[in-house]
Amino acid sequence: MQPLETVIAEEPVVACDGGNGPLGHPRVFLNMGDKREIDCPYCGRHYVLKEVAVAQAAH
């Protein structure tokens, strides 16, 4: 199944609320940890960590 939407993230922790205002879902914070991507368990949005953010996090 393809993700609903792919979002480029600036930081390894992202907040997702479904993006549909009152029709979205509860806001959840998703931590990528050692990975560079994560999917929201509610709406399936796919978050990918931007390359520059990966380099900055390593310092």
PDB file of N, CA and C in Angstrom:
ATOM      1  N   MET A   1       0.839  -1.184   0.000  1.00  0.00           N
ATOM      2  CA  MET A   1       0.000   0.000   0.000  1.00  0.00           C
ATOM      3  C   MET A   1       0.882   1.244   0.000  1.00  0.00           C
ATOM      4  N   GLN A   2       0.628   2.160  -0.899  1.00  0.00           N
ATOM      5  CA  GLN A   2       1.363   3.412  -0.976  1.00  0.00           C
ATOM      6  C   GLN A   2       0.923   4.348   0.145  1.00  0.00           C
ATOM      7  N   PRO A   3       1.868   5.126   0.724  1.00  0.00           N
ATOM      8  CA  PRO A   3       1.488   6.086   1.749  1.00  0.00           C
ATOM      9  C   PRO A   3       0.556   7.147   1.170  1.00  0.00           C
ATOM     10  N   LEU A   4      -0.315   7.668   2.017  1.00  0.00           N
ATOM     11  CA  LEU A   4      -1.240   8.721   1.616  1.00  0.00           C
ATOM     12  C   LEU A   4      -0.484   9.939   1.116  1.00  0.00           C
ATOM     13  N   GLU A   5       0.569  10.294   1.811  1.00  0.00           N
ATOM     14  CA  GLU A   5       1.341  11.487   1.498  1.00  0.00           C
ATOM     15  C   GLU A   5       2.736  11.325   2.087  1.00  0.00           C
ATOM     16  N   THR A   6       3.756  11.827   1.398  1.00  0.00           N
ATOM     17  CA  THR A   6       5.105  11.823   1.929  1.00  0.00           C
ATOM     18  C   THR A   6       5.476  13.240   2.310  1.00  0.00           C
ATOM     19  N   VAL A   7       5.979  13.404   3.537  1.00  0.00           N
ATOM     20  CA  VAL A   7       6.352  14.711   4.061  1.00  0.00           C
ATOM     21  C   VAL A   7       7.837  14.683   4.388  1.00  0.00           C
ATOM     22  N   ILE A   8       8.576  15.698   3.923  1.00  0.00           N
ATOM     23  CA  ILE A   8       9.989  15.827   4.246  1.00  0.00           C
ATOM     24  C   ILE A   8      10.082  16.543   5.590  1.00  0.00           C
ATOM     25  N   ALA A   9      10.717  15.898   6.567  1.00  0.00           N
ATOM     26  CA  ALA A   9      10.806  16.445   7.921  1.00  0.00           C
ATOM     27  C   ALA A   9      12.170  17.089   8.143  1.00  0.00           C
ATOM     28  N   GLU A  10      12.176  18.171   8.889  1.00  0.00           N
ATOM     29  CA  GLU A  10      13.414  18.882   9.228  1.00  0.00           C
ATOM     30  C   GLU A  10      14.077  18.296  10.473  1.00  0.00           C
ATOM     31  N   GLU A  11      13.293  17.618  11.324  1.00  0.00           N
ATOM     32  CA  GLU A  11      13.799  17.073  12.584  1.00  0.00           C
ATOM     33  C   GLU A  11      13.318  15.635  12.745  1.00  0.00           C
ATOM     34  N   PRO A  12      14.016  14.819  13.555  1.00  0.00           N
ATOM     35  CA  PRO A  12      13.644  13.409  13.688  1.00  0.00           C
ATOM     36  C   PRO A  12      12.398  13.142  14.529  1.00  0.00           C
ATOM     37  N   VAL A  13      11.833  14.172  15.147  1.00  0.00           N
ATOM     38  CA  VAL A  13      10.569  14.026  15.870  1.00  0.00           C
ATOM     39  C   VAL A  13       9.551  14.911  15.164  1.00  0.00           C
ATOM     40  N   VAL A  14       8.459  14.307  14.723  1.00  0.00           N
ATOM     41  CA  VAL A  14       7.422  15.056  14.000  1.00  0.00           C
ATOM     42  C   VAL A  14       6.086  14.906  14.716  1.00  0.00           C
ATOM     43  N   ALA A  15       5.214  15.890  14.517  1.00  0.00           N
ATOM     44  CA  ALA A  15       3.862  15.839  15.059  1.00  0.00           C
ATOM     45  C   ALA A  15       2.905  15.677  13.886  1.00  0.00           C
ATOM     46  N   CYS A  16       1.982  14.744  14.001  1.00  0.00           N
ATOM     47  CA  CYS A  16       1.002  14.511  12.934  1.00  0.00           C
ATOM     48  C   CYS A  16      -0.393  14.565  13.526  1.00  0.00           C
ATOM     49  N   ASP A  17      -1.280  15.317  12.847  1.00  0.00           N
ATOM     50  CA  ASP A  17      -2.678  15.391  13.267  1.00  0.00           C
ATOM     51  C   ASP A  17      -3.626  15.048  12.118  1.00  0.00           C
ATOM     52  N   GLY A  18      -3.087  14.478  11.068  1.00  0.00           N
ATOM     53  CA  GLY A  18      -3.898  14.106   9.921  1.00  0.00           C
ATOM     54  C   GLY A  18      -4.083  15.217   8.919  1.00  0.00           C
ATOM     55  N   GLY A  19      -3.854  16.456   9.339  1.00  0.00           N
ATOM     56  CA  GLY A  19      -3.897  17.589   8.428  1.00  0.00           C
ATOM     57  C   GLY A  19      -5.265  17.982   7.899  1.00  0.00           C
ATOM     58  N   ASN A  20      -6.333  17.464   8.464  1.00  0.00           N
ATOM     59  CA  ASN A  20      -7.670  17.776   7.954  1.00  0.00           C
ATOM     60  C   ASN A  20      -8.500  18.569   8.944  1.00  0.00           C
ATOM     61  N   GLY A  21      -7.849  19.358   9.795  1.00  0.00           N
ATOM     62  CA  GLY A  21      -8.581  20.147  10.787  1.00  0.00           C
ATOM     63  C   GLY A  21      -9.402  19.240  11.685  1.00  0.00           C
ATOM     64  N   PRO A  22     -10.693  19.543  11.839  1.00  0.00           N
ATOM     65  CA  PRO A  22     -11.530  18.736  12.727  1.00  0.00           C
ATOM     66  C   PRO A  22     -11.769  17.307  12.211  1.00  0.00           C
ATOM     67  N   LEU A  23     -11.446  17.057  10.960  1.00  0.00           N
ATOM     68  CA  LEU A  23     -11.629  15.714  10.402  1.00  0.00           C
ATOM     69  C   LEU A  23     -10.347  14.879  10.478  1.00  0.00           C
ATOM     70  N   GLY A  24      -9.312  15.436  11.096  1.00  0.00           N
ATOM     71  CA  GLY A  24      -8.039  14.727  11.226  1.00  0.00           C
ATOM     72  C   GLY A  24      -8.101  13.685  12.331  1.00  0.00           C
ATOM     73  N   HIS A  25      -6.997  13.518  13.041  1.00  0.00           N
ATOM     74  CA  HIS A  25      -6.926  12.567  14.152  1.00  0.00           C
ATOM     75  C   HIS A  25      -6.201  13.247  15.304  1.00  0.00           C
ATOM     76  N   PRO A  26      -6.181  12.629  16.485  1.00  0.00           N
ATOM     77  CA  PRO A  26      -5.454  13.234  17.602  1.00  0.00           C
ATOM     78  C   PRO A  26      -3.987  13.451  17.227  1.00  0.00           C
ATOM     79  N   ARG A  27      -3.410  14.550  17.701  1.00  0.00           N
ATOM     80  CA  ARG A  27      -2.004  14.839  17.415  1.00  0.00           C
ATOM     81  C   ARG A  27      -1.131  13.803  18.109  1.00  0.00           C
ATOM     82  N   VAL A  28      -0.254  13.199  17.329  1.00  0.00           N
ATOM     83  CA  VAL A  28       0.707  12.239  17.867  1.00  0.00           C
ATOM     84  C   VAL A  28       2.109  12.710  17.497  1.00  0.00           C
ATOM     85  N   PHE A  29       3.056  12.435  18.373  1.00  0.00           N
ATOM     86  CA  PHE A  29       4.451  12.760  18.112  1.00  0.00           C
ATOM     87  C   PHE A  29       5.161  11.464  17.750  1.00  0.00           C
ATOM     88  N   LEU A  30       5.811  11.488  16.603  1.00  0.00           N
ATOM     89  CA  LEU A  30       6.479  10.301  16.074  1.00  0.00           C
ATOM     90  C   LEU A  30       7.985  10.527  16.099  1.00  0.00           C
ATOM     91  N   ASN A  31       8.703   9.627  16.736  1.00  0.00           N
ATOM     92  CA  ASN A  31      10.151   9.735  16.865  1.00  0.00           C
ATOM     93  C   ASN A  31      10.803   8.716  15.934  1.00  0.00           C
ATOM     94  N   MET A  32      11.601   9.195  14.990  1.00  0.00           N
ATOM     95  CA  MET A  32      12.250   8.313  14.022  1.00  0.00           C
ATOM     96  C   MET A  32      13.389   7.512  14.644  1.00  0.00           C
ATOM     97  N   GLY A  33      13.907   7.965  15.777  1.00  0.00           N
ATOM     98  CA  GLY A  33      15.011   7.256  16.414  1.00  0.00           C
ATOM     99  C   GLY A  33      16.214   7.182  15.490  1.00  0.00           C
ATOM    100  N   ASP A  34      16.732   5.981  15.249  1.00  0.00           N
ATOM    101  CA  ASP A  34      17.894   5.790  14.378  1.00  0.00           C
ATOM    102  C   ASP A  34      17.514   5.698  12.907  1.00  0.00           C
ATOM    103  N   LYS A  35      16.223   5.666  12.626  1.00  0.00           N
ATOM    104  CA  LYS A  35      15.760   5.547  11.245  1.00  0.00           C
ATOM    105  C   LYS A  35      15.682   6.926  10.606  1.00  0.00           C
ATOM    106  N   ARG A  36      15.451   6.964   9.332  1.00  0.00           N
ATOM    107  CA  ARG A  36      15.305   8.229   8.619  1.00  0.00           C
ATOM    108  C   ARG A  36      13.882   8.430   8.130  1.00  0.00           C
ATOM    109  N   GLU A  37      12.985   7.522   8.494  1.00  0.00           N
ATOM    110  CA  GLU A  37      11.594   7.650   8.051  1.00  0.00           C
ATOM    111  C   GLU A  37      10.665   6.937   9.017  1.00  0.00           C
ATOM    112  N   ILE A  38       9.394   7.354   8.988  1.00  0.00           N
ATOM    113  CA  ILE A  38       8.389   6.760   9.864  1.00  0.00           C
ATOM    114  C   ILE A  38       7.009   7.017   9.261  1.00  0.00           C
ATOM    115  N   ASP A  39       6.068   6.122   9.532  1.00  0.00           N
ATOM    116  CA  ASP A  39       4.684   6.273   9.066  1.00  0.00           C
ATOM    117  C   ASP A  39       3.777   6.566  10.252  1.00  0.00           C
ATOM    118  N   CYS A  40       2.796   7.426  10.049  1.00  0.00           N
ATOM    119  CA  CYS A  40       1.818   7.706  11.090  1.00  0.00           C
ATOM    120  C   CYS A  40       0.867   6.514  11.200  1.00  0.00           C
ATOM    121  N   PRO A  41       0.677   5.991  12.412  1.00  0.00           N
ATOM    122  CA  PRO A  41      -0.209   4.835  12.563  1.00  0.00           C
ATOM    123  C   PRO A  41      -1.690   5.175  12.356  1.00  0.00           C
ATOM    124  N   TYR A  42      -2.052   6.445  12.438  1.00  0.00           N
ATOM    125  CA  TYR A  42      -3.448   6.849  12.239  1.00  0.00           C
ATOM    126  C   TYR A  42      -3.794   7.048  10.763  1.00  0.00           C
ATOM    127  N   CYS A  43      -3.012   7.878  10.074  1.00  0.00           N
ATOM    128  CA  CYS A  43      -3.408   8.264   8.714  1.00  0.00           C
ATOM    129  C   CYS A  43      -2.496   7.713   7.619  1.00  0.00           C
ATOM    130  N   GLY A  44      -1.352   7.129   8.003  1.00  0.00           N
ATOM    131  CA  GLY A  44      -0.463   6.545   7.007  1.00  0.00           C
ATOM    132  C   GLY A  44       0.494   7.533   6.362  1.00  0.00           C
ATOM    133  N   ARG A  45       0.481   8.796   6.790  1.00  0.00           N
ATOM    134  CA  ARG A  45       1.439   9.754   6.247  1.00  0.00           C
ATOM    135  C   ARG A  45       2.854   9.228   6.463  1.00  0.00           C
ATOM    136  N   HIS A  46       3.681   9.399   5.449  1.00  0.00           N
ATOM    137  CA  HIS A  46       5.054   8.897   5.482  1.00  0.00           C
ATOM    138  C   HIS A  46       5.986  10.091   5.659  1.00  0.00           C
ATOM    139  N   TYR A  47       6.762  10.094   6.756  1.00  0.00           N
ATOM    140  CA  TYR A  47       7.698  11.172   7.046  1.00  0.00           C
ATOM    141  C   TYR A  47       9.111  10.693   6.757  1.00  0.00           C
ATOM    142  N   VAL A  48       9.870  11.517   6.017  1.00  0.00           N
ATOM    143  CA  VAL A  48      11.255  11.201   5.666  1.00  0.00           C
ATOM    144  C   VAL A  48      12.127  12.356   6.156  1.00  0.00           C
ATOM    145  N   LEU A  49      13.187  12.027   6.868  1.00  0.00           N
ATOM    146  CA  LEU A  49      14.086  13.038   7.405  1.00  0.00           C
ATOM    147  C   LEU A  49      14.960  13.612   6.292  1.00  0.00           C
ATOM    148  N   LYS A  50      14.978  14.925   6.204  1.00  0.00           N
ATOM    149  CA  LYS A  50      15.761  15.644   5.194  1.00  0.00           C
ATOM    150  C   LYS A  50      17.248  15.355   5.394  1.00  0.00           C
ATOM    151  N   GLU A  51      18.005  15.232   4.314  1.00  0.00           N
ATOM    152  CA  GLU A  51      19.435  14.897   4.375  1.00  0.00           C
ATOM    153  C   GLU A  51      20.227  15.869   5.242  1.00  0.00           C
ATOM    154  N   VAL A  52      19.967  17.162   5.135  1.00  0.00           N
ATOM    155  CA  VAL A  52      20.705  18.161   5.914  1.00  0.00           C
ATOM    156  C   VAL A  52      20.469  17.943   7.402  1.00  0.00           C
ATOM    157  N   ALA A  53      19.251  17.575   7.776  1.00  0.00           N
ATOM    158  CA  ALA A  53      18.932  17.336   9.189  1.00  0.00           C
ATOM    159  C   ALA A  53      19.710  16.138   9.712  1.00  0.00           C
ATOM    160  N   VAL A  54      19.921  15.138   8.897  1.00  0.00           N
ATOM    161  CA  VAL A  54      20.690  13.958   9.301  1.00  0.00           C
ATOM    162  C   VAL A  54      22.125  14.363   9.604  1.00  0.00           C
ATOM    163  N   ALA A  55      22.729  15.181   8.742  1.00  0.00           N
ATOM    164  CA  ALA A  55      24.116  15.620   8.939  1.00  0.00           C
ATOM    165  C   ALA A  55      24.239  16.475  10.197  1.00  0.00           C
ATOM    166  N   GLN A  56      23.283  17.342  10.444  1.00  0.00           N
ATOM    167  CA  GLN A  56      23.330  18.204  11.637  1.00  0.00           C
ATOM    168  C   GLN A  56      23.150  17.391  12.911  1.00  0.00           C
ATOM    169  N   ALA A  57      22.321  16.383  12.899  1.00  0.00           N
ATOM    170  CA  ALA A  57      22.075  15.562  14.076  1.00  0.00           C
ATOM    171  C   ALA A  57      23.317  14.752  14.465  1.00  0.00           C
ATOM    172  N   ALA A  58      24.184  14.485  13.504  1.00  0.00           N
ATOM    173  CA  ALA A  58      25.384  13.697  13.762  1.00  0.00           C
ATOM    174  C   ALA A  58      26.452  14.490  14.512  1.00  0.00           C
ATOM    175  N   HIS A  59      26.331  15.807  14.533  1.00  0.00           N
ATOM    176  CA  HIS A  59      27.347  16.641  15.214  1.00  0.00           C
ATOM    177  C   HIS A  59      27.090  16.729  16.681  1.00  0.00           C
TER     178      HIS A  59
END
